[in-house]
N, C-alpha and C. Protein backbone atom coordinates (compact mmCIF):
# COMPACT_ATOMS: atom_id res chain seq x y z
N UNK A 1 12.30 10.23 -16.50
CA UNK A 1 10.83 10.22 -16.61
C UNK A 1 10.23 9.19 -15.65
N UNK A 2 10.94 8.09 -15.46
CA UNK A 2 10.45 7.06 -14.55
C UNK A 2 10.39 7.57 -13.11
N UNK A 3 11.43 8.29 -12.72
CA UNK A 3 11.47 8.83 -11.35
C UNK A 3 10.39 9.90 -11.18
N UNK A 4 10.20 10.72 -12.19
CA UNK A 4 9.16 11.76 -12.14
C UNK A 4 7.78 11.11 -12.06
N UNK A 5 7.60 10.05 -12.82
CA UNK A 5 6.32 9.33 -12.78
C UNK A 5 6.05 8.75 -11.40
N UNK A 6 7.10 8.18 -10.78
CA UNK A 6 6.95 7.64 -9.42
C UNK A 6 6.62 8.76 -8.44
N UNK A 7 7.27 9.91 -8.60
CA UNK A 7 7.02 11.05 -7.71
C UNK A 7 5.57 11.52 -7.83
N UNK A 8 5.03 11.50 -9.03
CA UNK A 8 3.64 11.94 -9.22
C UNK A 8 2.67 10.99 -8.53
N UNK A 9 2.94 9.69 -8.63
CA UNK A 9 2.08 8.70 -7.96
C UNK A 9 2.17 8.85 -6.45
N UNK A 10 3.40 9.05 -5.95
CA UNK A 10 3.59 9.22 -4.50
C UNK A 10 2.87 10.46 -4.00
N UNK A 11 2.98 11.56 -4.74
CA UNK A 11 2.31 12.81 -4.34
C UNK A 11 0.80 12.63 -4.29
N UNK A 12 0.25 11.96 -5.28
CA UNK A 12 -1.19 11.73 -5.32
C UNK A 12 -1.62 10.85 -4.15
N UNK A 13 -0.85 9.81 -3.88
CA UNK A 13 -1.19 8.90 -2.78
C UNK A 13 -1.15 9.63 -1.43
N UNK A 14 -0.14 10.46 -1.23
CA UNK A 14 -0.03 11.22 0.02
C UNK A 14 -1.20 12.18 0.16
N UNK A 15 -1.54 12.87 -0.91
CA UNK A 15 -2.64 13.84 -0.86
C UNK A 15 -3.96 13.17 -0.52
N UNK A 16 -4.24 12.03 -1.16
CA UNK A 16 -5.49 11.31 -0.89
C UNK A 16 -5.51 10.82 0.56
N UNK A 17 -4.39 10.27 1.03
CA UNK A 17 -4.32 9.77 2.41
C UNK A 17 -4.54 10.90 3.41
N UNK A 18 -3.93 12.06 3.16
CA UNK A 18 -4.08 13.19 4.07
C UNK A 18 -5.51 13.73 4.06
N UNK A 19 -6.12 13.79 2.89
CA UNK A 19 -7.50 14.26 2.83
C UNK A 19 -8.45 13.32 3.57
N UNK A 20 -8.15 12.05 3.53
CA UNK A 20 -8.97 11.07 4.24
C UNK A 20 -8.76 11.19 5.76
N UNK A 21 -7.50 11.33 6.16
CA UNK A 21 -7.19 11.38 7.59
C UNK A 21 -7.55 12.71 8.23
N UNK A 22 -7.52 13.79 7.46
CA UNK A 22 -7.73 15.12 8.03
C UNK A 22 -9.16 15.61 7.91
N UNK A 23 -10.09 14.69 7.83
CA UNK A 23 -11.49 15.10 7.86
C UNK A 23 -11.83 15.57 9.28
N UNK A 24 -12.59 16.64 9.36
CA UNK A 24 -12.84 17.25 10.66
C UNK A 24 -13.52 16.29 11.64
N UNK A 25 -14.43 15.45 11.12
CA UNK A 25 -15.13 14.55 12.04
C UNK A 25 -14.22 13.46 12.59
N UNK A 26 -13.04 13.30 12.01
CA UNK A 26 -12.06 12.35 12.54
C UNK A 26 -11.14 13.01 13.56
N UNK A 27 -11.01 14.32 13.50
CA UNK A 27 -10.09 15.03 14.37
C UNK A 27 -10.82 15.72 15.53
N UNK A 28 -11.87 16.47 15.19
CA UNK A 28 -12.65 17.19 16.20
C UNK A 28 -14.13 16.91 15.97
N UNK A 29 -14.60 15.70 16.26
CA UNK A 29 -16.01 15.38 16.03
C UNK A 29 -16.93 16.23 16.92
N UNK A 30 -17.84 16.95 16.29
CA UNK A 30 -18.69 17.89 17.02
C UNK A 30 -19.57 17.19 18.05
N UNK A 31 -20.15 16.05 17.69
CA UNK A 31 -21.04 15.35 18.62
C UNK A 31 -20.27 14.87 19.84
N UNK A 32 -19.08 14.35 19.64
CA UNK A 32 -18.26 13.89 20.76
C UNK A 32 -17.94 15.05 21.70
N UNK A 33 -17.53 16.18 21.13
CA UNK A 33 -17.21 17.35 21.96
C UNK A 33 -18.43 17.78 22.77
N UNK A 34 -19.60 17.76 22.15
CA UNK A 34 -20.83 18.14 22.84
C UNK A 34 -21.11 17.18 24.01
N UNK A 35 -20.90 15.89 23.79
CA UNK A 35 -21.16 14.91 24.84
C UNK A 35 -20.21 15.09 26.02
N UNK A 36 -18.92 15.30 25.72
CA UNK A 36 -17.95 15.49 26.80
C UNK A 36 -18.26 16.77 27.57
N UNK A 37 -18.56 17.82 26.85
CA UNK A 37 -18.91 19.09 27.51
C UNK A 37 -20.12 18.91 28.42
N UNK A 38 -21.10 18.16 27.94
CA UNK A 38 -22.31 17.93 28.73
C UNK A 38 -21.98 17.16 30.02
N UNK A 39 -21.14 16.14 29.91
CA UNK A 39 -20.76 15.35 31.08
C UNK A 39 -19.98 16.19 32.09
N UNK A 40 -19.08 17.02 31.59
CA UNK A 40 -18.30 17.86 32.49
C UNK A 40 -19.16 18.93 33.15
N UNK A 41 -20.13 19.44 32.40
CA UNK A 41 -21.04 20.43 32.96
C UNK A 41 -21.83 19.83 34.12
N UNK A 42 -22.15 18.56 34.00
CA UNK A 42 -22.89 17.86 35.06
C UNK A 42 -21.97 17.35 36.17
N UNK A 43 -20.67 17.56 36.02
CA UNK A 43 -19.72 17.10 37.03
C UNK A 43 -19.39 15.64 36.95
N UNK A 44 -19.72 15.01 35.83
CA UNK A 44 -19.49 13.56 35.67
C UNK A 44 -18.12 13.33 35.02
N UNK A 45 -17.08 13.43 35.80
CA UNK A 45 -15.73 13.32 35.28
C UNK A 45 -15.43 11.91 34.78
N UNK A 46 -15.85 10.90 35.52
CA UNK A 46 -15.59 9.52 35.11
C UNK A 46 -16.25 9.20 33.78
N UNK A 47 -17.47 9.69 33.60
CA UNK A 47 -18.16 9.46 32.33
C UNK A 47 -17.43 10.16 31.18
N UNK A 48 -16.91 11.36 31.45
CA UNK A 48 -16.15 12.10 30.43
C UNK A 48 -14.88 11.35 30.07
N UNK A 49 -14.21 10.79 31.09
CA UNK A 49 -13.01 10.00 30.82
C UNK A 49 -13.34 8.77 29.98
N UNK A 50 -14.45 8.14 30.30
CA UNK A 50 -14.86 6.95 29.56
C UNK A 50 -15.12 7.28 28.09
N UNK A 51 -15.76 8.42 27.85
CA UNK A 51 -16.02 8.85 26.47
C UNK A 51 -14.71 9.06 25.72
N UNK A 52 -13.75 9.69 26.38
CA UNK A 52 -12.47 9.96 25.72
C UNK A 52 -11.70 8.66 25.45
N UNK A 53 -11.79 7.72 26.39
CA UNK A 53 -11.07 6.45 26.22
C UNK A 53 -11.62 5.64 25.06
N UNK A 54 -12.91 5.79 24.79
CA UNK A 54 -13.54 4.99 23.74
C UNK A 54 -13.53 5.68 22.38
N UNK A 55 -12.93 6.86 22.31
CA UNK A 55 -12.89 7.61 21.05
C UNK A 55 -11.44 7.78 20.62
N UNK A 56 -11.15 7.60 19.33
CA UNK A 56 -9.77 7.67 18.86
C UNK A 56 -9.44 8.96 18.13
N UNK A 57 -10.28 9.98 18.27
CA UNK A 57 -10.00 11.26 17.62
C UNK A 57 -8.90 12.01 18.37
N UNK A 58 -8.31 12.99 17.71
CA UNK A 58 -7.23 13.77 18.34
C UNK A 58 -7.72 14.54 19.55
N UNK A 59 -8.90 15.13 19.45
CA UNK A 59 -9.42 15.91 20.58
C UNK A 59 -9.69 15.02 21.78
N UNK A 60 -10.09 13.77 21.54
CA UNK A 60 -10.34 12.84 22.65
C UNK A 60 -9.04 12.55 23.40
N UNK A 61 -7.96 12.36 22.66
CA UNK A 61 -6.66 12.09 23.28
C UNK A 61 -6.21 13.28 24.11
N UNK A 62 -6.41 14.49 23.56
CA UNK A 62 -5.98 15.71 24.27
C UNK A 62 -6.81 15.93 25.53
N UNK A 63 -8.12 15.77 25.41
CA UNK A 63 -8.99 15.97 26.57
C UNK A 63 -8.72 14.93 27.65
N UNK A 64 -8.44 13.71 27.22
CA UNK A 64 -8.15 12.66 28.19
C UNK A 64 -6.90 12.99 28.99
N UNK A 65 -5.92 13.62 28.33
CA UNK A 65 -4.70 14.03 29.04
C UNK A 65 -5.03 15.06 30.10
N UNK A 66 -5.95 15.95 29.80
CA UNK A 66 -6.35 16.95 30.78
C UNK A 66 -7.18 16.36 31.90
N UNK A 67 -8.03 15.41 31.57
CA UNK A 67 -8.91 14.80 32.57
C UNK A 67 -8.13 13.98 33.61
N UNK A 68 -6.92 13.60 33.28
CA UNK A 68 -6.08 12.88 34.25
C UNK A 68 -5.68 13.78 35.42
N UNK A 69 -5.79 15.09 35.21
CA UNK A 69 -5.34 16.04 36.23
C UNK A 69 -6.48 16.86 36.81
N UNK A 70 -7.70 16.36 36.67
CA UNK A 70 -8.84 17.05 37.27
C UNK A 70 -8.60 17.20 38.77
N UNK A 71 -8.78 18.40 39.27
CA UNK A 71 -8.49 18.67 40.67
C UNK A 71 -7.20 19.42 40.85
N UNK A 72 -6.37 19.44 39.77
CA UNK A 72 -5.12 20.19 39.82
C UNK A 72 -5.36 21.64 39.45
N UNK A 73 -4.28 22.36 39.29
CA UNK A 73 -4.39 23.77 38.93
C UNK A 73 -4.69 23.92 37.45
N UNK A 74 -5.16 25.12 37.08
CA UNK A 74 -5.42 25.41 35.67
C UNK A 74 -4.14 25.22 34.85
N UNK A 75 -3.02 25.69 35.41
CA UNK A 75 -1.75 25.59 34.69
C UNK A 75 -1.36 24.14 34.43
N UNK A 76 -1.58 23.28 35.42
CA UNK A 76 -1.24 21.87 35.28
C UNK A 76 -2.08 21.20 34.20
N UNK A 77 -3.37 21.49 34.21
CA UNK A 77 -4.28 20.90 33.21
C UNK A 77 -3.92 21.39 31.82
N UNK A 78 -3.70 22.69 31.69
CA UNK A 78 -3.35 23.26 30.38
C UNK A 78 -2.04 22.71 29.86
N UNK A 79 -1.06 22.57 30.74
CA UNK A 79 0.24 22.05 30.32
C UNK A 79 0.13 20.62 29.82
N UNK A 80 -0.66 19.81 30.52
CA UNK A 80 -0.84 18.42 30.11
C UNK A 80 -1.51 18.34 28.73
N UNK A 81 -2.53 19.18 28.53
CA UNK A 81 -3.25 19.17 27.26
C UNK A 81 -2.40 19.74 26.13
N UNK A 82 -1.62 20.78 26.43
CA UNK A 82 -0.76 21.37 25.40
C UNK A 82 0.34 20.41 24.98
N UNK A 83 0.89 19.69 25.95
CA UNK A 83 1.94 18.72 25.65
C UNK A 83 1.42 17.64 24.71
N UNK A 84 0.23 17.13 25.03
CA UNK A 84 -0.37 16.11 24.17
C UNK A 84 -0.80 16.71 22.84
N UNK A 85 -1.24 17.96 22.88
CA UNK A 85 -1.67 18.62 21.65
C UNK A 85 -0.53 18.80 20.66
N UNK A 86 0.66 19.07 21.16
CA UNK A 86 1.81 19.20 20.25
C UNK A 86 2.09 17.89 19.54
N UNK A 87 1.94 16.80 20.26
CA UNK A 87 2.16 15.49 19.62
C UNK A 87 1.09 15.19 18.58
N UNK A 88 -0.14 15.55 18.89
CA UNK A 88 -1.21 15.34 17.92
C UNK A 88 -1.04 16.22 16.70
N UNK A 89 -0.57 17.44 16.91
CA UNK A 89 -0.32 18.35 15.78
C UNK A 89 0.76 17.79 14.86
N UNK A 90 1.79 17.21 15.47
CA UNK A 90 2.86 16.59 14.67
C UNK A 90 2.31 15.41 13.87
N UNK A 91 1.37 14.67 14.47
CA UNK A 91 0.75 13.54 13.77
C UNK A 91 -0.09 14.02 12.59
N UNK A 92 -0.75 15.17 12.76
CA UNK A 92 -1.56 15.71 11.66
C UNK A 92 -0.68 16.13 10.48
N UNK A 93 0.55 16.52 10.77
CA UNK A 93 1.47 16.97 9.72
C UNK A 93 2.23 15.82 9.07
N UNK A 94 1.90 14.60 9.44
CA UNK A 94 2.61 13.44 8.89
C UNK A 94 2.51 13.42 7.36
N UNK A 95 3.62 13.14 6.71
CA UNK A 95 3.75 13.03 5.25
C UNK A 95 3.69 14.37 4.51
N UNK A 96 3.33 15.46 5.20
CA UNK A 96 3.26 16.74 4.47
C UNK A 96 4.64 17.20 4.02
N UNK A 97 5.66 16.87 4.81
CA UNK A 97 7.02 17.21 4.41
C UNK A 97 7.42 16.50 3.13
N UNK A 98 6.99 15.24 3.00
CA UNK A 98 7.30 14.48 1.78
C UNK A 98 6.61 15.10 0.58
N UNK A 99 5.38 15.56 0.77
CA UNK A 99 4.65 16.20 -0.32
C UNK A 99 5.34 17.48 -0.75
N UNK A 100 5.81 18.27 0.22
CA UNK A 100 6.55 19.48 -0.11
C UNK A 100 7.86 19.18 -0.81
N UNK A 101 8.52 18.09 -0.41
CA UNK A 101 9.79 17.70 -1.03
C UNK A 101 9.58 17.31 -2.49
N UNK A 102 8.49 16.61 -2.76
CA UNK A 102 8.19 16.22 -4.15
C UNK A 102 7.98 17.46 -5.00
N UNK A 103 7.25 18.45 -4.44
CA UNK A 103 7.01 19.69 -5.18
C UNK A 103 8.32 20.42 -5.48
N UNK A 104 9.30 20.28 -4.59
CA UNK A 104 10.59 20.95 -4.79
C UNK A 104 11.50 20.18 -5.74
N UNK A 105 11.49 18.86 -5.61
CA UNK A 105 12.44 18.04 -6.35
C UNK A 105 12.00 17.77 -7.79
N UNK A 106 10.69 17.67 -8.02
CA UNK A 106 10.20 17.29 -9.35
C UNK A 106 10.75 18.18 -10.48
N UNK A 107 10.72 19.52 -10.36
CA UNK A 107 11.28 20.32 -11.46
C UNK A 107 12.79 20.14 -11.61
N UNK A 108 13.47 19.85 -10.49
CA UNK A 108 14.91 19.61 -10.58
C UNK A 108 15.20 18.31 -11.31
N UNK A 109 14.35 17.31 -11.06
CA UNK A 109 14.50 16.05 -11.80
C UNK A 109 14.25 16.28 -13.29
N UNK A 110 13.25 17.10 -13.60
CA UNK A 110 12.97 17.42 -15.00
C UNK A 110 14.14 18.13 -15.64
N UNK A 111 14.74 19.07 -14.91
CA UNK A 111 15.90 19.80 -15.44
C UNK A 111 17.09 18.86 -15.63
N UNK A 112 17.28 17.96 -14.69
CA UNK A 112 18.36 16.99 -14.82
C UNK A 112 18.15 16.12 -16.04
N UNK A 113 16.91 15.69 -16.25
CA UNK A 113 16.62 14.88 -17.44
C UNK A 113 16.87 15.64 -18.73
N UNK A 114 16.55 16.92 -18.73
CA UNK A 114 16.79 17.74 -19.92
C UNK A 114 18.28 17.88 -20.19
N UNK A 115 19.05 18.12 -19.14
CA UNK A 115 20.50 18.29 -19.31
C UNK A 115 21.14 17.02 -19.81
N UNK A 116 20.81 15.89 -19.19
CA UNK A 116 21.40 14.62 -19.65
C UNK A 116 20.95 14.28 -21.07
N UNK A 117 19.68 14.63 -21.38
CA UNK A 117 19.19 14.39 -22.74
C UNK A 117 19.92 15.24 -23.75
N UNK A 118 20.19 16.50 -23.40
CA UNK A 118 20.93 17.39 -24.30
C UNK A 118 22.36 16.89 -24.50
N UNK A 119 22.95 16.41 -23.42
CA UNK A 119 24.31 15.88 -23.54
C UNK A 119 24.34 14.70 -24.51
N UNK A 120 23.37 13.79 -24.36
CA UNK A 120 23.32 12.63 -25.27
C UNK A 120 23.06 13.08 -26.70
N UNK A 121 22.20 14.09 -26.88
CA UNK A 121 21.88 14.57 -28.22
C UNK A 121 23.12 15.12 -28.90
N UNK A 122 23.87 15.94 -28.19
CA UNK A 122 25.06 16.53 -28.80
C UNK A 122 26.17 15.51 -28.96
N UNK A 123 26.17 14.47 -28.13
CA UNK A 123 27.13 13.39 -28.35
C UNK A 123 26.84 12.68 -29.67
N UNK A 124 25.54 12.44 -29.92
CA UNK A 124 25.15 11.79 -31.17
C UNK A 124 25.48 12.69 -32.37
N UNK A 125 25.25 13.99 -32.20
CA UNK A 125 25.57 14.94 -33.27
C UNK A 125 27.07 14.91 -33.56
N UNK A 126 27.87 14.90 -32.51
CA UNK A 126 29.31 14.89 -32.68
C UNK A 126 29.77 13.62 -33.39
N UNK A 127 29.16 12.47 -33.02
CA UNK A 127 29.52 11.21 -33.67
C UNK A 127 29.11 11.22 -35.14
N UNK A 128 27.93 11.78 -35.41
CA UNK A 128 27.45 11.85 -36.80
C UNK A 128 28.36 12.72 -37.66
N UNK A 129 28.78 13.86 -37.12
CA UNK A 129 29.67 14.76 -37.84
C UNK A 129 31.01 14.08 -38.10
N UNK A 130 31.50 13.35 -37.12
CA UNK A 130 32.78 12.66 -37.28
C UNK A 130 32.71 11.58 -38.34
N UNK A 131 31.55 10.94 -38.48
CA UNK A 131 31.41 9.84 -39.45
C UNK A 131 31.06 10.34 -40.85
N UNK A 132 30.13 11.30 -40.95
CA UNK A 132 29.63 11.72 -42.26
C UNK A 132 30.04 13.14 -42.63
N UNK A 133 30.51 13.90 -41.67
CA UNK A 133 30.88 15.28 -41.95
C UNK A 133 29.68 16.19 -42.08
N UNK A 134 28.51 15.70 -41.76
CA UNK A 134 27.29 16.51 -41.87
C UNK A 134 26.35 16.14 -40.73
N UNK A 135 25.41 17.02 -40.42
CA UNK A 135 24.44 16.77 -39.37
C UNK A 135 23.06 17.19 -39.84
N UNK A 136 22.08 16.41 -39.48
CA UNK A 136 20.71 16.71 -39.88
C UNK A 136 20.07 17.64 -38.84
N UNK A 137 19.62 18.82 -39.26
CA UNK A 137 18.93 19.72 -38.32
C UNK A 137 17.68 19.07 -37.71
N UNK A 138 17.03 18.22 -38.49
CA UNK A 138 15.85 17.53 -37.99
C UNK A 138 16.17 16.61 -36.84
N UNK A 139 17.27 15.89 -36.95
CA UNK A 139 17.68 14.98 -35.88
C UNK A 139 18.06 15.76 -34.63
N UNK A 140 18.73 16.90 -34.82
CA UNK A 140 19.11 17.73 -33.69
C UNK A 140 17.87 18.28 -32.98
N UNK A 141 16.92 18.79 -33.76
CA UNK A 141 15.70 19.34 -33.18
C UNK A 141 14.90 18.25 -32.45
N UNK A 142 14.86 17.07 -33.02
CA UNK A 142 14.14 15.96 -32.40
C UNK A 142 14.75 15.59 -31.06
N UNK A 143 16.08 15.56 -30.99
CA UNK A 143 16.76 15.23 -29.74
C UNK A 143 16.51 16.27 -28.67
N UNK A 144 16.55 17.55 -29.06
CA UNK A 144 16.30 18.62 -28.09
C UNK A 144 14.86 18.57 -27.61
N UNK A 145 13.93 18.31 -28.51
CA UNK A 145 12.51 18.23 -28.14
C UNK A 145 12.28 17.12 -27.11
N UNK A 146 12.89 15.97 -27.36
CA UNK A 146 12.74 14.86 -26.43
C UNK A 146 13.34 15.19 -25.07
N UNK A 147 14.46 15.91 -25.07
CA UNK A 147 15.09 16.26 -23.80
C UNK A 147 14.23 17.23 -23.00
N UNK A 148 13.59 18.18 -23.68
CA UNK A 148 12.77 19.18 -22.99
C UNK A 148 11.49 18.60 -22.41
N UNK A 149 11.09 17.44 -22.87
CA UNK A 149 9.87 16.81 -22.35
C UNK A 149 10.00 16.55 -20.85
N UNK A 150 11.20 16.20 -20.38
CA UNK A 150 11.37 15.91 -18.96
C UNK A 150 11.16 17.15 -18.10
N UNK A 151 11.58 18.31 -18.61
CA UNK A 151 11.35 19.55 -17.85
C UNK A 151 9.86 19.82 -17.74
N UNK A 152 9.15 19.66 -18.84
CA UNK A 152 7.70 19.87 -18.82
C UNK A 152 7.03 18.88 -17.86
N UNK A 153 7.48 17.63 -17.87
CA UNK A 153 6.90 16.63 -16.98
C UNK A 153 7.18 16.97 -15.53
N UNK A 154 8.39 17.42 -15.24
CA UNK A 154 8.73 17.80 -13.87
C UNK A 154 7.86 18.94 -13.37
N UNK A 155 7.64 19.94 -14.20
CA UNK A 155 6.79 21.07 -13.81
C UNK A 155 5.33 20.63 -13.67
N UNK A 156 4.91 19.72 -14.54
CA UNK A 156 3.53 19.23 -14.48
C UNK A 156 3.25 18.49 -13.18
N UNK A 157 4.30 17.89 -12.59
CA UNK A 157 4.15 17.21 -11.30
C UNK A 157 4.31 18.21 -10.16
N UNK A 158 5.28 19.11 -10.28
CA UNK A 158 5.62 20.02 -9.19
C UNK A 158 4.50 21.01 -8.88
N UNK A 159 3.88 21.56 -9.88
CA UNK A 159 2.86 22.60 -9.64
C UNK A 159 1.66 22.05 -8.87
N UNK A 160 1.04 20.94 -9.31
CA UNK A 160 -0.07 20.38 -8.51
C UNK A 160 0.39 19.91 -7.13
N UNK A 161 1.61 19.37 -7.05
CA UNK A 161 2.11 18.89 -5.75
C UNK A 161 2.28 20.05 -4.78
N UNK A 162 2.75 21.19 -5.27
CA UNK A 162 2.92 22.36 -4.41
C UNK A 162 1.56 22.88 -3.94
N UNK A 163 0.60 22.94 -4.85
CA UNK A 163 -0.75 23.39 -4.49
C UNK A 163 -1.37 22.43 -3.46
N UNK A 164 -1.17 21.13 -3.67
CA UNK A 164 -1.69 20.14 -2.73
C UNK A 164 -1.02 20.31 -1.37
N UNK A 165 0.28 20.56 -1.37
CA UNK A 165 1.01 20.76 -0.12
C UNK A 165 0.47 21.96 0.65
N UNK A 166 0.27 23.08 -0.03
CA UNK A 166 -0.26 24.28 0.63
C UNK A 166 -1.68 24.03 1.14
N UNK A 167 -2.47 23.28 0.39
CA UNK A 167 -3.84 22.98 0.80
C UNK A 167 -3.85 22.13 2.08
N UNK A 168 -2.98 21.13 2.11
CA UNK A 168 -2.91 20.25 3.28
C UNK A 168 -2.43 21.03 4.50
N UNK A 169 -1.41 21.86 4.33
CA UNK A 169 -0.89 22.66 5.44
C UNK A 169 -1.98 23.59 5.99
N UNK A 170 -2.74 24.20 5.08
CA UNK A 170 -3.82 25.09 5.53
C UNK A 170 -4.88 24.32 6.32
N UNK A 171 -5.19 23.12 5.88
CA UNK A 171 -6.18 22.31 6.61
C UNK A 171 -5.64 21.91 7.97
N UNK A 172 -4.38 21.53 8.03
CA UNK A 172 -3.77 21.18 9.32
C UNK A 172 -3.82 22.37 10.27
N UNK A 173 -3.50 23.55 9.77
CA UNK A 173 -3.52 24.75 10.61
C UNK A 173 -4.93 25.02 11.17
N UNK A 174 -5.94 24.84 10.33
CA UNK A 174 -7.31 25.06 10.79
C UNK A 174 -7.70 24.04 11.87
N UNK A 175 -7.32 22.79 11.66
CA UNK A 175 -7.65 21.75 12.63
C UNK A 175 -6.92 21.95 13.95
N UNK A 176 -5.66 22.37 13.88
CA UNK A 176 -4.90 22.64 15.11
C UNK A 176 -5.55 23.78 15.87
N UNK A 177 -6.01 24.80 15.16
CA UNK A 177 -6.70 25.92 15.81
C UNK A 177 -7.98 25.44 16.48
N UNK A 178 -8.72 24.56 15.80
CA UNK A 178 -9.94 24.00 16.39
C UNK A 178 -9.62 23.21 17.66
N UNK A 179 -8.56 22.42 17.62
CA UNK A 179 -8.16 21.64 18.79
C UNK A 179 -7.81 22.56 19.97
N UNK A 180 -7.11 23.65 19.67
CA UNK A 180 -6.74 24.58 20.73
C UNK A 180 -7.97 25.25 21.34
N UNK A 181 -8.90 25.66 20.48
CA UNK A 181 -10.10 26.35 20.97
C UNK A 181 -10.94 25.43 21.86
N UNK A 182 -11.15 24.20 21.41
CA UNK A 182 -11.95 23.26 22.19
C UNK A 182 -11.25 22.93 23.50
N UNK A 183 -9.94 22.73 23.44
CA UNK A 183 -9.18 22.38 24.65
C UNK A 183 -9.25 23.49 25.69
N UNK A 184 -9.04 24.73 25.26
CA UNK A 184 -9.08 25.85 26.19
C UNK A 184 -10.48 26.03 26.77
N UNK A 185 -11.49 25.76 25.94
CA UNK A 185 -12.87 25.89 26.40
C UNK A 185 -13.19 24.86 27.48
N UNK A 186 -12.52 23.72 27.42
CA UNK A 186 -12.81 22.64 28.36
C UNK A 186 -12.07 22.77 29.69
N UNK A 187 -11.04 23.61 29.72
CA UNK A 187 -10.24 23.72 30.94
C UNK A 187 -11.10 24.12 32.13
N UNK A 188 -11.92 25.15 31.98
CA UNK A 188 -12.77 25.61 33.09
C UNK A 188 -13.74 24.52 33.53
N UNK A 189 -14.25 23.78 32.56
CA UNK A 189 -15.19 22.72 32.91
C UNK A 189 -14.50 21.58 33.66
N UNK A 190 -13.21 21.40 33.41
CA UNK A 190 -12.46 20.37 34.14
C UNK A 190 -12.17 20.81 35.56
N UNK A 191 -12.06 22.11 35.78
CA UNK A 191 -11.78 22.62 37.12
C UNK A 191 -13.04 22.63 37.97
N UNK A 192 -14.18 22.94 37.35
CA UNK A 192 -15.43 23.08 38.10
C UNK A 192 -15.83 21.83 38.88
N UNK A 193 -15.78 20.62 38.26
CA UNK A 193 -16.16 19.43 39.03
C UNK A 193 -15.31 19.26 40.27
N UNK A 194 -14.02 19.58 40.15
CA UNK A 194 -13.12 19.46 41.29
C UNK A 194 -13.53 20.42 42.39
N UNK A 195 -13.91 21.65 42.01
CA UNK A 195 -14.34 22.63 43.00
C UNK A 195 -15.62 22.18 43.69
N UNK A 196 -16.54 21.61 42.86
CA UNK A 196 -17.80 21.15 43.42
C UNK A 196 -17.57 20.02 44.43
N UNK A 197 -16.68 19.11 44.06
CA UNK A 197 -16.38 17.98 44.94
C UNK A 197 -15.75 18.46 46.24
N UNK A 198 -14.82 19.46 46.09
CA UNK A 198 -14.17 20.00 47.27
C UNK A 198 -15.16 20.67 48.19
N UNK A 199 -16.11 21.39 47.58
CA UNK A 199 -17.13 22.06 48.34
C UNK A 199 -18.00 21.08 49.09
N UNK A 200 -18.36 20.00 48.45
CA UNK A 200 -19.21 18.98 49.08
C UNK A 200 -18.49 18.37 50.28
N UNK A 201 -17.16 18.14 50.13
CA UNK A 201 -16.41 17.54 51.21
C UNK A 201 -16.34 18.48 52.41
N UNK A 202 -16.18 19.81 52.11
CA UNK A 202 -16.12 20.78 53.19
C UNK A 202 -17.43 20.84 53.97
N UNK A 203 -18.56 20.74 53.21
CA UNK A 203 -19.86 20.76 53.86
C UNK A 203 -20.04 19.55 54.76
N UNK A 204 -19.52 18.42 54.27
CA UNK A 204 -19.63 17.21 55.07
C UNK A 204 -18.83 17.34 56.35
């Protein structure tokens, strides 16, 4: 029961931490994206880089990776952003594996507690029979009831933990999709300033 109780606290702590960290305005802040898009539309690459450097959101890190290669090919820019995006996606999934593990292990811990409790119960019954030649059905039922409590506790932890795990995974998937959409949308804008600059140099 102690281990199951610890698992429930850990699951709750992980879920709260993930919900706090996976807020959309922390990962893909709409105002920041609008500002960067505006700067790139105006051809102000340095200003866009400055915005990304001063922002700690995931999309800022990804866009900054792409902005390092302004003037390169579309493939080069996309590869740089995708490489950084995979790392950011892995960061978004932090602790979700632990939450899934708790959902899997909790009922097994409950079952283990029930089995060990039943073993102890029947050991006591055997000792009682050896000493008195009789056994109280009430004592037997009480021991079995106490042993089954651990199974119920394990399931009570596992079910919410599994639901929390699926909820977190779904949120991560949505955020990763948002990151991909914004990143792909920005690729053309990163190429345009380079083309404009090249054109100006040719005219000169």
